[in-house]
Amino acid sequence: MLVKSVKRQVLHLLILLFSFNLISAQEKDIITFLTMEEAINKAFKENNLVKASGYSLKKANWDVKRAWTQLFPTLSFNTRYTWIDDQTFAERDFRQYLPPELAAQIPQTVFQESFFSSFDVDMPIFNGVLVNGLSIAYEQESMAENMDESTRQQIAFTVVSNYLNVLKSKEIVKLQLEYLELSKLNYEKAERLFKANRYSQNEALRWKVDFQQQKSAVVTNESGLRSALLNLGRLINSTLSLETELEIKIPDSIVEEAERVQNLDDSEVLGLADFSNEQLIEINAALAASQSNEEIQRLLYQNSYSNYMPNVSLSYSHGWRENNTIELDDYSPKTFMVNLRIPIFTSFQNYTELKSAYYEYKKSEEEFRDQLLNTRLILNDVVNRMLNLKTQQVLSVSNVEFNENNYRIVETQRERGIVSNIDFIDAKLNLQNAKLQQVTDYYDFVTTIVEYYFLTGKIEKLIE
């Protein structure tokens, strides 16, 4: 019995240890505190798109090296084994038709089993495809660099905007919870007064509706907060929960920029979108990558003309004459050749390939122009929203100030019995909505500024 009891206790201990380790392992995947800088750095390290973009850049680096190697000579060792049947061997070995004394003086050149080996060196002298391929490889590397930069900027912008969205959601939920608690107290008070025949049923029901509205608002905004945390967690490949604490303070660089834009005149804000096409391409990594892709298609189109050009190469072979042993022990002929290839007629393959490459180039040209126009459209839209939110913020501050003053007046009047409870509830809801709108306008304004910095290629400077 004692042994069984000890075994049972050991088993329970092992189960507890296993459970503790399992919980600890799960907790390791849940981040409990996260700053904006940590979120960005974690996204740069863990986000799959950033990793994939880094691999694309490394591939492009190696493609440049590979393009260079196409211009260098190649060395190969070749060997072959041949077996011929008896009849063919008898027909090819002409020595059998000679007298024995004469046949013995002629070296054997035909074997039923034979081996041939050689060292071969090949080197291109002129090949338009290879030369142009080097330019294509360099342009692909440039495109990969721009795409990598664009991906990092896109991830940084998305992380910052989602981080700000989480902060906004948390602030809204906090504000809603405060009003929910206040609404609950007022509802409970209204129920007591109604039972004491001091409130009408309509007034009591109005407080009940207000309480239910606040509960619904809290649930809705908590769902929005969970979604915002899921989005942010997905970007950094980590799990965030409602208990995850974020640094409430927005980085000083973003706050300072928001204040700077807030103090600009309307014309100065609109002037933030004034960029020439060349400037916009230079500052926007995605546009620069698209331009590189257009250039690649142009080079591929140009490369199609290489099919009409001659191809010159050198070949040198050091071989051993075919005999019946695998050893390199026979006469070794040395062959040097200059190969010239001029295409005459290829059943219009070159022409059709040329046309296909041309229209692919024209397609990429139109796509680049379309992306340039869309980027300019988005940039102007961002600046317009920035101007609207800049004005809206001033209105929000005034609206909160007005509704706070109105709420105090109505509250005093209610205590004196001058206004009804319904008027008081309306005043409270107006103040609540004004505060919520102020929070929303501020975070939307800050996010719009971050988006502007993203479009103009300065997002990483803003968050340093």
Protein backbone atom coordinates (compact mmCIF):
# COMPACT_ATOMS: atom_id res chain seq x y z
CA MET A 1 0.00 0.00 0.00
CA LEU A 2 2.86 2.34 0.86
CA VAL A 3 4.52 1.68 -2.51
CA LYS A 4 1.25 2.37 -4.35
CA SER A 5 0.77 5.60 -2.42
CA VAL A 6 4.30 6.76 -3.29
CA LYS A 7 3.78 5.89 -6.96
CA ARG A 8 0.49 7.80 -6.97
CA GLN A 9 2.13 10.88 -5.45
CA VAL A 10 5.01 10.71 -7.94
CA LEU A 11 2.51 10.43 -10.80
CA HIS A 12 0.57 13.45 -9.52
CA LEU A 13 3.81 15.41 -9.22
CA LEU A 14 4.80 14.55 -12.79
CA ILE A 15 1.37 15.61 -14.05
CA LEU A 16 1.65 18.90 -12.19
CA LEU A 17 5.13 19.53 -13.56
CA PHE A 18 3.99 18.71 -17.09
CA SER A 19 0.98 21.00 -16.76
CA PHE A 20 3.15 23.79 -15.37
CA ASN A 21 5.61 23.44 -18.26
CA LEU A 22 2.77 23.40 -20.77
CA ILE A 23 1.24 26.54 -19.31
CA SER A 24 4.64 28.21 -19.18
CA ALA A 25 5.27 27.30 -22.83
CA GLN A 26 1.91 28.76 -23.80
CA GLU A 27 2.55 31.90 -21.79
CA LYS A 28 5.86 32.39 -23.59
CA ASP A 29 3.95 32.85 -26.82
CA ILE A 30 1.76 35.58 -25.31
CA ILE A 31 3.31 39.03 -25.10
CA THR A 32 2.27 40.92 -21.98
CA PHE A 33 3.93 44.28 -22.73
CA LEU A 34 4.83 45.77 -26.08
CA THR A 35 6.16 49.14 -27.19
CA MET A 36 5.78 50.48 -30.72
CA GLU A 37 9.52 50.21 -31.32
CA GLU A 38 9.52 46.59 -30.13
CA ALA A 39 6.56 45.82 -32.40
CA ILE A 40 8.34 47.25 -35.44
CA ASN A 41 11.62 45.47 -34.68
CA LYS A 42 9.79 42.19 -34.08
CA ALA A 43 7.90 42.57 -37.37
CA PHE A 44 11.18 43.19 -39.21
CA LYS A 45 12.56 39.95 -37.72
CA GLU A 46 9.50 37.68 -37.72
CA ASN A 47 7.11 38.85 -40.43
CA ASN A 48 6.95 36.35 -43.30
CA LEU A 49 6.73 39.01 -46.03
CA VAL A 50 9.86 40.73 -44.73
CA LYS A 51 11.71 37.42 -44.67
CA ALA A 52 10.52 36.53 -48.18
CA SER A 53 11.60 39.96 -49.44
CA GLY A 54 15.04 39.45 -47.91
CA TYR A 55 15.38 36.10 -49.66
CA SER A 56 14.35 37.70 -52.98
CA LEU A 57 17.10 40.28 -52.54
CA LYS A 58 19.69 37.58 -51.81
CA LYS A 59 18.52 35.65 -54.88
CA ALA A 60 18.93 38.76 -57.02
CA ASN A 61 22.48 39.24 -55.66
CA TRP A 62 23.37 35.70 -56.68
CA ASP A 63 21.67 36.13 -60.07
CA VAL A 64 24.10 38.97 -60.82
CA LYS A 65 27.02 36.69 -59.97
CA ARG A 66 25.50 33.95 -62.12
CA ALA A 67 25.14 36.37 -65.06
CA TRP A 68 28.85 37.16 -64.83
CA THR A 69 29.77 33.46 -64.81
CA GLN A 70 27.99 33.02 -68.16
CA LEU A 71 30.78 35.11 -69.73
CA PHE A 72 33.61 32.99 -68.31
CA PRO A 73 35.10 29.84 -69.92
CA THR A 74 33.93 26.41 -68.82
CA LEU A 75 36.05 23.28 -68.43
CA SER A 76 34.60 19.78 -68.53
CA PHE A 77 35.86 16.23 -68.62
CA ASN A 78 33.92 13.90 -70.92
CA THR A 79 34.14 10.16 -71.34
CA ARG A 80 32.05 7.55 -73.08
CA TYR A 81 31.83 3.79 -73.33
CA THR A 82 30.78 2.08 -76.60
CA TRP A 83 29.88 -1.54 -77.33
CA ILE A 84 29.06 -2.87 -80.83
CA ASP A 85 27.64 -6.23 -81.78
CA ASP A 86 29.69 -9.00 -83.37
CA GLN A 87 28.48 -8.50 -86.93
CA THR A 88 29.08 -4.73 -86.90
CA PHE A 89 32.49 -5.27 -85.30
CA ALA A 90 33.45 -7.80 -88.01
CA GLU A 91 32.27 -5.44 -90.74
CA ARG A 92 34.16 -2.42 -89.34
CA ASP A 93 37.46 -4.18 -88.54
CA PHE A 94 38.96 -4.17 -92.07
CA ARG A 95 42.23 -5.79 -90.88
CA GLN A 96 40.57 -9.19 -91.12
CA TYR A 97 40.67 -8.80 -94.89
CA LEU A 98 44.46 -8.29 -94.93
CA PRO A 99 47.22 -10.90 -94.80
CA PRO A 100 48.27 -11.66 -91.19
CA GLU A 101 51.75 -10.17 -91.60
CA LEU A 102 50.29 -6.90 -92.95
CA ALA A 103 47.45 -6.78 -90.43
CA ALA A 104 49.96 -7.02 -87.56
CA GLN A 105 51.68 -3.82 -88.75
CA ILE A 106 48.46 -1.74 -88.75
CA PRO A 107 47.27 -0.57 -85.30
CA GLN A 108 43.81 -1.64 -84.30
CA THR A 109 41.32 1.23 -84.56
CA VAL A 110 38.03 -0.62 -84.08
CA PHE A 111 37.13 -2.32 -80.80
CA GLN A 112 34.02 -4.14 -79.74
CA GLU A 113 34.24 -2.39 -76.35
CA SER A 114 35.82 1.06 -76.47
CA PHE A 115 36.36 4.18 -74.38
CA PHE A 116 36.89 7.80 -75.36
CA SER A 117 37.83 10.67 -72.98
CA SER A 118 38.57 14.38 -73.40
CA PHE A 119 38.97 17.67 -71.59
CA ASP A 120 36.89 20.40 -73.27
CA VAL A 121 37.12 24.17 -72.80
CA ASP A 122 34.38 26.45 -74.16
CA MET A 123 34.34 30.23 -74.04
CA PRO A 124 31.85 32.71 -75.50
CA ILE A 125 33.40 35.53 -77.55
CA PHE A 126 30.28 37.37 -78.63
CA ASN A 127 26.81 36.48 -77.43
CA GLY A 128 24.22 39.25 -77.26
CA VAL A 129 21.95 37.27 -74.94
CA LEU A 130 24.68 36.85 -72.31
CA VAL A 131 25.83 40.47 -72.48
CA ASN A 132 22.30 41.79 -72.20
CA GLY A 133 21.58 39.24 -69.48
CA LEU A 134 24.11 41.00 -67.28
CA SER A 135 22.19 44.28 -67.58
CA ILE A 136 18.95 42.46 -66.81
CA ALA A 137 20.47 40.86 -63.71
CA TYR A 138 21.66 44.22 -62.38
CA GLU A 139 18.22 45.75 -62.98
CA GLN A 140 16.57 42.81 -61.23
CA GLU A 141 18.87 43.39 -58.28
CA SER A 142 17.86 47.04 -58.20
CA MET A 143 14.19 46.06 -58.32
CA ALA A 144 14.70 43.55 -55.49
CA GLU A 145 16.38 46.23 -53.36
CA ASN A 146 13.48 48.62 -53.94
CA MET A 147 10.93 45.88 -53.27
CA ASP A 148 12.70 44.97 -50.04
CA GLU A 149 12.67 48.61 -48.94
CA SER A 150 9.03 48.94 -49.99
CA THR A 151 8.07 45.81 -48.03
CA ARG A 152 9.83 47.04 -44.89
CA GLN A 153 8.15 50.43 -45.18
CA GLN A 154 4.76 48.81 -45.77
CA ILE A 155 5.19 46.57 -42.73
CA ALA A 156 6.41 49.49 -40.60
CA PHE A 157 3.40 51.60 -41.62
CA THR A 158 0.97 48.74 -41.03
CA VAL A 159 2.47 47.99 -37.60
CA VAL A 160 2.36 51.65 -36.55
CA SER A 161 -1.20 52.17 -37.80
CA ASN A 162 -2.36 48.95 -36.11
CA TYR A 163 -0.53 49.91 -32.91
CA LEU A 164 -2.28 53.29 -32.96
CA ASN A 165 -5.56 51.51 -33.66
CA VAL A 166 -5.03 49.35 -30.57
CA LEU A 167 -4.29 52.44 -28.47
CA LYS A 168 -7.41 54.13 -29.83
CA SER A 169 -9.53 51.04 -29.14
CA LYS A 170 -8.14 50.75 -25.61
CA GLU A 171 -8.89 54.40 -24.90
CA ILE A 172 -12.40 54.07 -26.30
CA VAL A 173 -13.05 50.90 -24.27
CA LYS A 174 -11.77 52.63 -21.13
CA LEU A 175 -14.06 55.58 -21.76
CA GLN A 176 -17.00 53.30 -22.50
CA LEU A 177 -16.42 51.31 -19.31
CA GLU A 178 -16.47 54.52 -17.28
CA TYR A 179 -19.79 55.49 -18.85
CA LEU A 180 -21.09 51.96 -18.40
CA GLU A 181 -20.37 52.13 -14.67
CA LEU A 182 -22.02 55.54 -14.45
CA SER A 183 -24.99 54.34 -16.46
CA LYS A 184 -25.33 51.28 -14.22
CA LEU A 185 -25.44 53.47 -11.10
CA ASN A 186 -28.02 55.76 -12.67
CA TYR A 187 -30.10 52.78 -13.83
CA GLU A 188 -30.07 51.21 -10.36
CA LYS A 189 -30.98 54.57 -8.83
CA ALA A 190 -33.81 54.99 -11.35
CA GLU A 191 -35.14 51.53 -10.46
CA ARG A 192 -35.21 52.43 -6.78
CA LEU A 193 -36.93 55.77 -7.42
CA PHE A 194 -39.45 54.09 -9.72
CA LYS A 195 -40.35 51.56 -7.05
CA ALA A 196 -40.71 54.48 -4.62
CA ASN A 197 -43.09 56.15 -7.11
CA ARG A 198 -40.71 59.08 -7.54
CA TYR A 199 -39.89 58.26 -11.20
CA SER A 200 -42.28 57.54 -14.01
CA GLN A 201 -42.04 54.23 -15.82
CA ASN A 202 -40.92 56.04 -18.94
CA GLU A 203 -38.01 57.66 -17.11
CA ALA A 204 -36.97 54.33 -15.57
CA LEU A 205 -37.15 52.63 -18.97
CA ARG A 206 -35.08 55.40 -20.50
CA TRP A 207 -32.29 54.73 -17.99
CA LYS A 208 -32.60 51.00 -18.70
CA VAL A 209 -32.22 51.63 -22.44
CA ASP A 210 -29.19 53.83 -21.75
CA PHE A 211 -27.62 51.08 -19.63
CA GLN A 212 -28.19 48.46 -22.33
CA GLN A 213 -26.79 50.80 -24.97
CA GLN A 214 -23.63 51.27 -22.91
CA LYS A 215 -23.27 47.51 -22.41
CA SER A 216 -23.68 46.96 -26.15
CA ALA A 217 -21.11 49.69 -26.90
CA VAL A 218 -18.60 48.09 -24.52
CA VAL A 219 -19.03 44.65 -26.11
CA THR A 220 -18.71 46.11 -29.61
CA ASN A 221 -15.59 48.10 -28.78
CA GLU A 222 -13.98 45.20 -26.93
CA SER A 223 -14.53 43.10 -30.06
CA GLY A 224 -12.89 45.86 -32.07
CA LEU A 225 -9.97 45.87 -29.62
CA ARG A 226 -9.56 42.10 -29.92
CA SER A 227 -9.54 42.40 -33.72
CA ALA A 228 -6.97 45.18 -33.54
CA LEU A 229 -4.77 43.03 -31.26
CA LEU A 230 -5.15 40.06 -33.61
CA ASN A 231 -4.09 42.19 -36.58
CA LEU A 232 -1.09 43.59 -34.71
CA GLY A 233 -0.15 40.13 -33.44
CA ARG A 234 -0.37 38.69 -36.96
CA LEU A 235 2.10 41.28 -38.23
CA ILE A 236 4.68 40.33 -35.60
CA ASN A 237 3.81 36.60 -35.59
CA SER A 238 2.94 36.67 -31.87
CA THR A 239 -0.15 36.30 -29.72
CA LEU A 240 -1.65 39.41 -28.10
CA SER A 241 -4.59 39.35 -25.70
CA LEU A 242 -6.80 41.92 -23.97
CA GLU A 243 -4.34 41.74 -21.07
CA THR A 244 -1.45 42.80 -23.30
CA GLU A 245 -0.19 46.20 -22.18
CA LEU A 246 0.95 48.66 -24.83
CA GLU A 247 2.97 51.77 -24.24
CA ILE A 248 0.21 54.36 -24.04
CA LYS A 249 2.53 57.21 -24.95
CA ILE A 250 2.80 57.84 -28.69
CA PRO A 251 6.45 58.38 -29.75
CA ASP A 252 7.55 62.01 -29.45
CA SER A 253 8.60 62.17 -33.11
CA ILE A 254 5.03 61.36 -34.24
CA VAL A 255 3.44 63.75 -31.72
CA GLU A 256 5.79 66.55 -32.76
CA GLU A 257 5.02 66.02 -36.41
CA ALA A 258 1.27 66.02 -35.66
CA GLU A 259 1.65 69.32 -33.83
CA ARG A 260 3.70 70.77 -36.70
CA VAL A 261 1.06 69.84 -39.27
CA GLN A 262 -1.68 71.14 -36.97
CA ASN A 263 -0.01 74.56 -37.01
CA LEU A 264 0.31 74.70 -40.80
CA ASP A 265 -1.97 76.84 -42.95
CA ASP A 266 -4.44 75.03 -45.19
CA SER A 267 -2.43 75.96 -48.30
CA GLU A 268 0.74 74.60 -46.68
CA VAL A 269 -0.99 71.30 -45.90
CA LEU A 270 -2.19 70.97 -49.50
CA GLY A 271 1.34 71.79 -50.65
CA LEU A 272 2.61 68.64 -48.96
CA ALA A 273 1.46 66.67 -52.03
CA ASP A 274 3.46 68.77 -54.51
CA PHE A 275 5.94 66.31 -56.03
CA SER A 276 7.04 65.90 -59.63
CA ASN A 277 6.88 62.42 -61.14
CA GLU A 278 10.66 62.07 -60.82
CA GLN A 279 10.59 63.11 -57.15
CA LEU A 280 7.71 60.76 -56.38
CA ILE A 281 9.51 57.82 -57.98
CA GLU A 282 12.68 58.64 -56.11
CA ILE A 283 11.05 58.78 -52.66
CA ASN A 284 8.53 55.95 -53.09
CA ALA A 285 10.24 52.52 -53.07
CA ALA A 286 7.23 50.72 -54.57
CA LEU A 287 7.24 53.09 -57.56
CA ALA A 288 11.00 52.71 -57.94
CA ALA A 289 10.56 48.92 -58.01
CA SER A 290 7.81 49.22 -60.61
CA GLN A 291 10.05 51.43 -62.74
CA SER A 292 12.82 48.83 -62.47
CA ASN A 293 10.37 46.18 -63.65
CA GLU A 294 9.53 48.36 -66.66
CA GLU A 295 13.24 48.65 -67.43
CA ILE A 296 13.66 44.88 -67.12
CA GLN A 297 10.89 44.32 -69.66
CA ARG A 298 12.56 46.85 -71.97
CA LEU A 299 15.85 44.96 -71.70
CA LEU A 300 14.09 41.66 -72.35
CA TYR A 301 12.52 43.20 -75.44
CA GLN A 302 15.95 44.44 -76.50
CA ASN A 303 17.32 40.98 -75.77
CA SER A 304 14.97 39.53 -78.39
CA TYR A 305 17.03 41.23 -81.10
CA SER A 306 19.99 39.11 -80.04
CA ASN A 307 18.37 36.16 -81.79
CA TYR A 308 19.11 37.85 -85.11
CA MET A 309 22.78 38.46 -84.27
CA PRO A 310 25.73 36.13 -84.87
CA ASN A 311 27.10 34.05 -82.05
CA VAL A 312 30.87 33.52 -81.77
CA SER A 313 32.56 31.12 -79.35
CA LEU A 314 35.84 29.29 -78.87
CA SER A 315 36.24 25.58 -78.18
CA TYR A 316 39.36 23.64 -77.29
CA SER A 317 39.42 19.89 -76.75
CA HIS A 318 42.25 17.70 -75.51
CA GLY A 319 41.10 14.09 -76.06
CA TRP A 320 42.42 10.55 -76.21
CA ARG A 321 41.74 8.37 -79.20
CA GLU A 322 39.13 5.70 -78.71
CA ASN A 323 40.57 2.32 -77.63
CA ASN A 324 39.67 -0.68 -75.52
CA THR A 325 40.98 0.59 -72.15
CA ILE A 326 39.65 3.25 -69.84
CA GLU A 327 43.18 4.57 -69.16
CA LEU A 328 44.28 7.72 -71.00
CA ASP A 329 47.06 5.77 -72.76
CA ASP A 330 46.54 6.36 -76.50
CA TYR A 331 47.27 9.10 -78.97
CA SER A 332 45.82 12.44 -77.74
CA PRO A 333 44.48 14.71 -80.51
CA LYS A 334 44.11 18.43 -79.69
CA THR A 335 41.35 20.38 -81.36
CA PHE A 336 40.86 24.17 -81.42
CA MET A 337 37.72 25.59 -83.02
CA VAL A 338 36.14 28.99 -83.59
CA ASN A 339 32.39 28.56 -83.88
CA LEU A 340 30.30 31.12 -85.77
CA ARG A 341 26.55 30.81 -85.82
CA ILE A 342 24.41 33.13 -87.94
CA PRO A 343 20.63 32.56 -87.90
CA ILE A 344 19.10 32.60 -91.38
CA PHE A 345 15.57 31.32 -91.01
CA THR A 346 13.93 30.07 -87.81
CA SER A 347 10.32 29.64 -88.95
CA PHE A 348 9.53 33.13 -87.61
CA GLN A 349 10.32 32.03 -84.04
CA ASN A 350 12.56 35.06 -83.54
CA TYR A 351 9.96 37.44 -84.94
CA THR A 352 7.13 36.09 -82.78
CA GLU A 353 9.36 36.17 -79.69
CA LEU A 354 10.30 39.77 -80.50
CA LYS A 355 6.65 40.80 -80.76
CA SER A 356 5.72 39.00 -77.57
CA ALA A 357 8.53 40.76 -75.67
CA TYR A 358 7.52 44.12 -77.15
CA TYR A 359 3.93 43.89 -75.95
CA GLU A 360 5.05 42.62 -72.56
CA TYR A 361 7.24 45.72 -72.33
CA LYS A 362 4.35 48.00 -73.36
CA LYS A 363 2.10 46.32 -70.77
CA SER A 364 4.63 46.94 -68.00
CA GLU A 365 4.97 50.54 -69.18
CA GLU A 366 1.23 51.13 -68.86
CA GLU A 367 1.10 49.36 -65.49
CA PHE A 368 3.88 51.57 -64.18
CA ARG A 369 2.12 54.71 -65.36
CA ASP A 370 -1.10 53.50 -63.77
CA GLN A 371 0.66 52.83 -60.47
CA LEU A 372 2.27 56.28 -60.61
CA LEU A 373 -1.13 57.94 -61.13
CA ASN A 374 -2.71 55.83 -58.38
CA THR A 375 0.08 56.72 -55.95
CA ARG A 376 -0.37 60.40 -56.71
CA LEU A 377 -4.13 60.02 -56.24
CA ILE A 378 -3.65 58.29 -52.88
CA LEU A 379 -1.13 60.93 -51.79
CA ASN A 380 -3.56 63.74 -52.60
CA ASP A 381 -6.36 61.87 -50.83
CA VAL A 382 -4.16 61.49 -47.72
CA VAL A 383 -3.33 65.19 -47.73
CA ASN A 384 -7.02 66.08 -48.11
CA ARG A 385 -7.92 63.81 -45.20
CA MET A 386 -5.09 65.36 -43.21
CA LEU A 387 -6.56 68.81 -43.83
CA ASN A 388 -10.09 67.66 -42.96
CA LEU A 389 -8.98 65.95 -39.75
CA LYS A 390 -6.84 68.96 -38.82
CA THR A 391 -9.99 71.11 -38.99
CA GLN A 392 -12.11 68.40 -37.40
CA GLN A 393 -9.77 68.23 -34.40
CA VAL A 394 -10.36 71.90 -33.64
CA LEU A 395 -14.10 71.28 -33.85
CA SER A 396 -13.83 68.19 -31.61
CA VAL A 397 -12.03 70.15 -28.88
CA SER A 398 -14.66 72.88 -29.00
CA ASN A 399 -17.45 70.31 -29.06
CA VAL A 400 -16.11 68.54 -25.96
CA GLU A 401 -15.71 71.86 -24.19
CA PHE A 402 -19.28 72.85 -25.06
CA ASN A 403 -20.81 69.50 -24.05
CA GLU A 404 -18.87 69.42 -20.75
CA ASN A 405 -20.23 72.84 -19.89
CA ASN A 406 -23.72 71.86 -21.05
CA TYR A 407 -23.57 68.64 -19.01
CA ARG A 408 -22.69 70.57 -15.85
CA ILE A 409 -25.55 73.01 -16.46
CA VAL A 410 -28.10 70.25 -17.13
CA GLU A 411 -26.88 68.29 -14.10
CA THR A 412 -27.40 71.35 -11.88
CA GLN A 413 -30.79 72.01 -13.42
CA ARG A 414 -31.83 68.39 -12.90
CA GLU A 415 -30.95 68.60 -9.22
CA ARG A 416 -33.23 71.64 -9.01
CA GLY A 417 -35.96 69.85 -10.94
CA ILE A 418 -35.85 72.26 -13.86
CA VAL A 419 -35.08 69.64 -16.56
CA SER A 420 -36.17 66.03 -16.93
CA ASN A 421 -34.02 62.94 -16.59
CA ILE A 422 -34.35 62.35 -20.31
CA ASP A 423 -32.72 65.74 -21.01
CA PHE A 424 -29.97 64.80 -18.57
CA ILE A 425 -29.40 61.47 -20.31
CA ASP A 426 -29.21 63.22 -23.68
CA ALA A 427 -26.67 65.68 -22.30
CA LYS A 428 -24.61 62.81 -20.91
CA LEU A 429 -24.73 60.94 -24.24
CA ASN A 430 -23.78 64.08 -26.16
CA LEU A 431 -20.73 64.56 -23.92
CA GLN A 432 -19.79 60.89 -24.28
CA ASN A 433 -20.09 60.99 -28.06
CA ALA A 434 -18.09 64.22 -28.21
CA LYS A 435 -15.24 62.64 -26.21
CA LEU A 436 -15.32 59.50 -28.34
CA GLN A 437 -15.24 61.61 -31.50
CA GLN A 438 -12.30 63.59 -30.13
CA VAL A 439 -10.33 60.38 -29.50
CA THR A 440 -11.21 59.04 -32.94
CA ASP A 441 -10.30 62.28 -34.73
CA TYR A 442 -6.95 62.55 -32.95
CA TYR A 443 -5.82 59.00 -33.72
CA ASP A 444 -7.13 59.21 -37.29
CA PHE A 445 -5.16 62.44 -37.75
CA VAL A 446 -1.96 60.86 -36.40
CA THR A 447 -2.46 57.75 -38.54
CA THR A 448 -2.96 59.90 -41.64
CA ILE A 449 0.33 61.68 -40.97
CA VAL A 450 2.06 58.29 -40.62
CA GLU A 451 0.51 57.21 -43.93
CA TYR A 452 1.83 60.39 -45.58
CA TYR A 453 5.32 59.61 -44.32
CA PHE A 454 4.94 56.06 -45.65
CA LEU A 455 3.95 57.25 -49.13
CA THR A 456 6.85 59.70 -49.22
CA GLY A 457 9.41 57.10 -48.12
CA LYS A 458 10.14 58.64 -44.70
CA ILE A 459 8.29 56.26 -42.39
CA GLU A 460 11.42 54.89 -40.73
CA LYS A 461 12.71 58.39 -40.01
CA LEU A 462 9.41 59.24 -38.33
CA ILE A 463 9.55 56.28 -35.96
CA GLU A 464 13.25 56.45 -35.07
